[in-house]
């Protein structure tokens, strides 16, 4: 199974890049660096996950042992609920702390100048924008369809039946295209059927009423 070397997520065979960060997948996760008993020093405080992963990857590529100390306590809909206001702290052995800070500083300068793009940002640019899905109007179509069916003996029943039929036909087409919430398919379909029955019965009733009216008028003439 392939893994994301940054996020650590496992994917199914055939997937080549991470859905979260866009990083290419590897067959095995890299082994965590062995930290000696030498004292550790903080070399970078990351404001978010992309910065933390970017700096950590650069330091590890330079051969420095790195520990990522997460400090974000909880996430909810991308809201930072941590008290400290940062995502993580990166630590390395004290003897190489200055080297790590120099690498980090150069990396951040390159990022700020636009010479370096985070994998997440590159993936966002290449990822097509999702089409907007409209909310369905299933309940409205259903209510109008039922009214059209219930009121078919009256002339006013034709109006809600016609509206429900037109709305239902249009909404079902949009659901097939994926531009409208498909969870409203059932009430929309039922509403359209009720509207169709109401329209047919209303038309028959209107025809019969018209014939009876004509016969009544001819009897008086």
Protein backbone atom coordinates (compact mmCIF):
# COMPACT_ATOMS: atom_id res chain seq x y z
CA UNK A 1 0.00 0.00 0.00
CA UNK A 2 1.34 3.49 -0.83
CA UNK A 3 1.75 6.08 1.91
CA UNK A 4 2.05 9.87 2.03
CA UNK A 5 5.52 10.70 3.42
CA UNK A 6 4.24 13.97 4.91
CA UNK A 7 0.77 13.17 6.26
CA UNK A 8 1.39 9.47 6.93
CA UNK A 9 -1.95 8.45 5.38
CA UNK A 10 -2.30 5.07 3.68
CA UNK A 11 -3.93 4.89 0.23
CA UNK A 12 -5.21 2.18 -2.08
CA UNK A 13 -3.05 0.81 -4.86
CA UNK A 14 -3.12 2.99 -7.96
CA UNK A 15 -3.22 6.33 -6.12
CA UNK A 16 -0.07 8.35 -6.81
CA UNK A 17 -0.49 11.56 -4.80
CA UNK A 18 -1.91 12.60 -1.42
CA UNK A 19 -5.40 14.09 -1.55
CA UNK A 20 -4.59 16.44 1.33
CA UNK A 21 -1.15 17.84 0.55
CA UNK A 22 -0.50 16.75 -3.06
CA UNK A 23 2.77 15.02 -2.12
CA UNK A 24 3.78 11.99 -4.19
CA UNK A 25 3.18 8.68 -2.41
CA UNK A 26 5.90 6.21 -1.43
CA UNK A 27 5.79 2.46 -0.89
CA UNK A 28 7.09 2.73 2.69
CA UNK A 29 7.04 5.48 5.27
CA UNK A 30 10.47 6.89 6.14
CA UNK A 31 11.78 5.76 9.48
CA UNK A 32 11.79 8.50 12.12
CA UNK A 33 15.28 9.86 12.74
CA UNK A 34 17.03 8.61 15.80
CA UNK A 35 17.60 11.39 18.27
CA UNK A 36 20.63 11.04 20.50
CA UNK A 37 20.67 11.91 24.18
CA UNK A 38 22.01 15.35 23.29
CA UNK A 39 19.77 18.22 24.45
CA UNK A 40 17.20 19.44 21.94
CA UNK A 41 16.58 23.00 20.79
CA UNK A 42 13.57 24.60 19.12
CA UNK A 43 14.50 25.80 15.64
CA UNK A 44 11.11 26.76 14.21
CA UNK A 45 7.55 27.44 15.37
CA UNK A 46 5.15 26.62 12.53
CA UNK A 47 1.89 28.58 12.23
CA UNK A 48 0.18 25.83 10.24
CA UNK A 49 0.59 22.30 8.91
CA UNK A 50 1.96 23.20 5.43
CA UNK A 51 4.79 25.31 6.90
CA UNK A 52 5.59 22.64 9.46
CA UNK A 53 5.82 19.92 6.83
CA UNK A 54 7.82 22.11 4.45
CA UNK A 55 10.49 23.03 6.99
CA UNK A 56 10.62 19.54 8.48
CA UNK A 57 11.15 17.99 5.03
CA UNK A 58 13.94 20.48 4.23
CA UNK A 59 15.75 19.80 7.50
CA UNK A 60 15.49 16.04 7.09
CA UNK A 61 16.76 16.34 3.51
CA UNK A 62 19.80 18.16 4.91
CA UNK A 63 20.44 15.20 7.20
CA UNK A 64 19.27 16.80 10.45
CA UNK A 65 17.27 14.80 12.98
CA UNK A 66 13.93 16.55 13.53
CA UNK A 67 11.10 16.13 16.01
CA UNK A 68 7.74 17.68 15.18
CA UNK A 69 6.01 18.64 18.42
CA UNK A 70 2.33 19.28 17.66
CA UNK A 71 0.69 21.99 19.73
CA UNK A 72 -2.64 22.38 18.02
CA UNK A 73 -5.08 20.78 20.41
CA UNK A 74 -8.13 20.50 18.18
CA UNK A 75 -9.41 21.32 14.74
CA UNK A 76 -13.03 21.99 13.76
CA UNK A 77 -13.92 23.12 10.24
CA UNK A 78 -10.38 24.49 9.80
CA UNK A 79 -10.65 26.67 12.92
CA UNK A 80 -7.58 26.77 15.17
CA UNK A 81 -8.78 26.05 18.68
CA UNK A 82 -5.32 25.95 20.24
CA UNK A 83 -4.34 28.32 22.99
CA UNK A 84 -0.82 28.98 21.71
CA UNK A 85 -1.93 29.91 18.19
CA UNK A 86 0.63 27.76 16.36
CA UNK A 87 0.55 24.35 14.74
CA UNK A 88 3.83 22.85 15.91
CA UNK A 89 7.41 23.34 17.07
CA UNK A 90 10.34 21.71 15.30
CA UNK A 91 13.26 20.57 17.41
CA UNK A 92 16.69 19.22 16.58
CA UNK A 93 19.87 18.44 18.48
CA UNK A 94 21.40 21.50 20.11
CA UNK A 95 24.75 21.11 18.33
CA UNK A 96 23.07 21.58 14.93
CA UNK A 97 20.42 24.10 15.93
CA UNK A 98 22.14 27.06 14.25
CA UNK A 99 22.53 25.11 11.03
CA UNK A 100 18.84 24.20 11.15
CA UNK A 101 17.85 27.82 11.75
CA UNK A 102 19.90 28.97 8.75
CA UNK A 103 18.28 26.37 6.51
CA UNK A 104 14.85 27.36 7.80
CA UNK A 105 15.52 31.08 7.28
CA UNK A 106 16.70 30.54 3.69
CA UNK A 107 13.69 28.35 2.99
CA UNK A 108 11.23 30.91 4.32
CA UNK A 109 12.87 33.72 2.34
CA UNK A 110 12.48 31.65 -0.83
CA UNK A 111 8.86 30.96 0.05
CA UNK A 112 8.04 34.60 0.80
CA UNK A 113 9.64 35.75 -2.46
CA UNK A 114 7.53 33.29 -4.45
CA UNK A 115 10.46 31.13 -5.56
CA UNK A 116 9.05 28.20 -3.58
CA UNK A 117 5.49 26.89 -3.65
CA UNK A 118 4.08 24.54 -1.04
CA UNK A 119 2.71 21.22 -2.34
CA UNK A 120 -0.74 22.16 -0.99
CA UNK A 121 -0.75 25.44 -2.93
CA UNK A 122 0.41 23.73 -6.12
CA UNK A 123 -2.31 21.11 -5.74
CA UNK A 124 -4.95 23.82 -5.21
CA UNK A 125 -3.90 25.54 -8.43
CA UNK A 126 -4.11 22.33 -10.45
CA UNK A 127 -7.28 21.04 -8.81
CA UNK A 128 -10.38 22.02 -10.84
CA UNK A 129 -12.97 24.07 -9.04
CA UNK A 130 -15.93 22.07 -7.87
CA UNK A 131 -19.22 22.85 -9.54
CA UNK A 132 -21.78 24.57 -7.35
CA UNK A 133 -24.61 22.22 -6.40
CA UNK A 134 -27.98 23.91 -5.99
CA UNK A 135 -30.29 22.89 -3.12
CA UNK A 136 -33.23 20.78 -4.27
CA UNK A 137 -36.86 21.98 -4.22
CA UNK A 138 -38.39 18.56 -3.68
CA UNK A 139 -40.78 19.58 -0.89
CA UNK A 140 -42.08 22.55 -2.88
CA UNK A 141 -42.69 20.42 -5.98
CA UNK A 142 -44.37 17.73 -3.86
CA UNK A 143 -46.72 20.18 -2.12
CA UNK A 144 -47.69 21.88 -5.38
CA UNK A 145 -48.22 18.51 -7.05
CA UNK A 146 -50.49 17.29 -4.25
CA UNK A 147 -52.47 20.55 -4.39
CA UNK A 148 -52.87 20.18 -8.14
CA UNK A 149 -54.17 16.63 -7.68
CA UNK A 150 -56.45 17.46 -4.76
CA UNK A 151 -57.96 20.52 -6.44
CA UNK A 152 -58.40 19.05 -9.92
CA UNK A 153 -62.24 19.45 -9.82
CA UNK A 154 -61.66 23.19 -9.49
CA UNK A 155 -60.18 25.39 -12.17
CA UNK A 156 -57.56 26.74 -9.75
CA UNK A 157 -56.06 23.25 -9.39
CA UNK A 158 -54.51 23.54 -12.85
CA UNK A 159 -52.14 26.33 -11.72
CA UNK A 160 -50.22 24.44 -8.97
CA UNK A 161 -50.20 21.29 -11.12
CA UNK A 162 -48.64 23.15 -14.05
CA UNK A 163 -46.05 24.87 -11.82
CA UNK A 164 -45.12 21.59 -10.10
CA UNK A 165 -44.78 19.78 -13.43
CA UNK A 166 -42.49 22.43 -14.94
CA UNK A 167 -40.39 22.79 -11.78
CA UNK A 168 -40.09 19.02 -11.39
CA UNK A 169 -39.04 18.45 -14.99
CA UNK A 170 -36.36 21.14 -14.78
CA UNK A 171 -35.06 19.99 -11.37
CA UNK A 172 -34.83 16.33 -12.38
CA UNK A 173 -32.71 17.31 -15.39
CA UNK A 174 -30.39 19.33 -13.15
CA UNK A 175 -30.08 16.41 -10.73
CA UNK A 176 -29.08 14.14 -13.62
CA UNK A 177 -26.40 16.66 -14.62
CA UNK A 178 -25.16 16.85 -11.02
CA UNK A 179 -25.85 20.57 -10.63
CA UNK A 180 -28.62 20.06 -8.04
CA UNK A 181 -28.75 18.09 -4.80
CA UNK A 182 -29.87 14.59 -5.83
CA UNK A 183 -31.32 13.81 -2.39
CA UNK A 184 -34.49 15.59 -3.54
CA UNK A 185 -35.05 13.13 -6.41
CA UNK A 186 -37.81 11.14 -4.68
CA UNK A 187 -40.09 14.01 -3.51
CA UNK A 188 -39.55 15.81 -6.82
CA UNK A 189 -40.53 12.71 -8.81
CA UNK A 190 -43.61 12.08 -6.64
CA UNK A 191 -44.63 15.74 -6.91
CA UNK A 192 -44.31 15.64 -10.69
CA UNK A 193 -46.41 12.46 -10.89
CA UNK A 194 -49.11 14.07 -8.73
CA UNK A 195 -49.00 17.16 -10.92
CA UNK A 196 -49.34 15.05 -14.07
CA UNK A 197 -52.33 13.14 -12.67
CA UNK A 198 -53.88 16.38 -11.43
CA UNK A 199 -53.43 17.97 -14.84
CA UNK A 200 -54.92 14.98 -16.68
CA UNK A 201 -57.88 14.64 -14.31
CA UNK A 202 -58.37 18.40 -14.31
CA UNK A 203 -58.40 18.44 -18.11
CA UNK A 204 -60.93 15.59 -18.26
CA UNK A 205 -63.06 17.26 -15.61
CA UNK A 206 -62.95 20.58 -17.46
CA UNK A 207 -63.94 18.85 -20.73
CA UNK A 208 -66.85 17.03 -19.08
CA UNK A 209 -67.97 20.24 -17.38
CA UNK A 210 -67.79 22.08 -20.70
CA UNK A 211 -69.87 19.41 -22.46
CA UNK A 212 -72.48 19.44 -19.68
CA UNK A 213 -72.58 23.22 -19.80
CA UNK A 214 -73.12 23.18 -23.57
CA UNK A 215 -75.93 20.62 -23.23
CA UNK A 216 -77.57 22.68 -20.51
CA UNK A 217 -77.41 25.82 -22.62
CA UNK A 218 -78.77 24.02 -25.69
CA UNK A 219 -81.74 22.80 -23.63
CA UNK A 220 -82.74 26.38 -22.89
CA UNK A 221 -82.38 27.49 -26.49
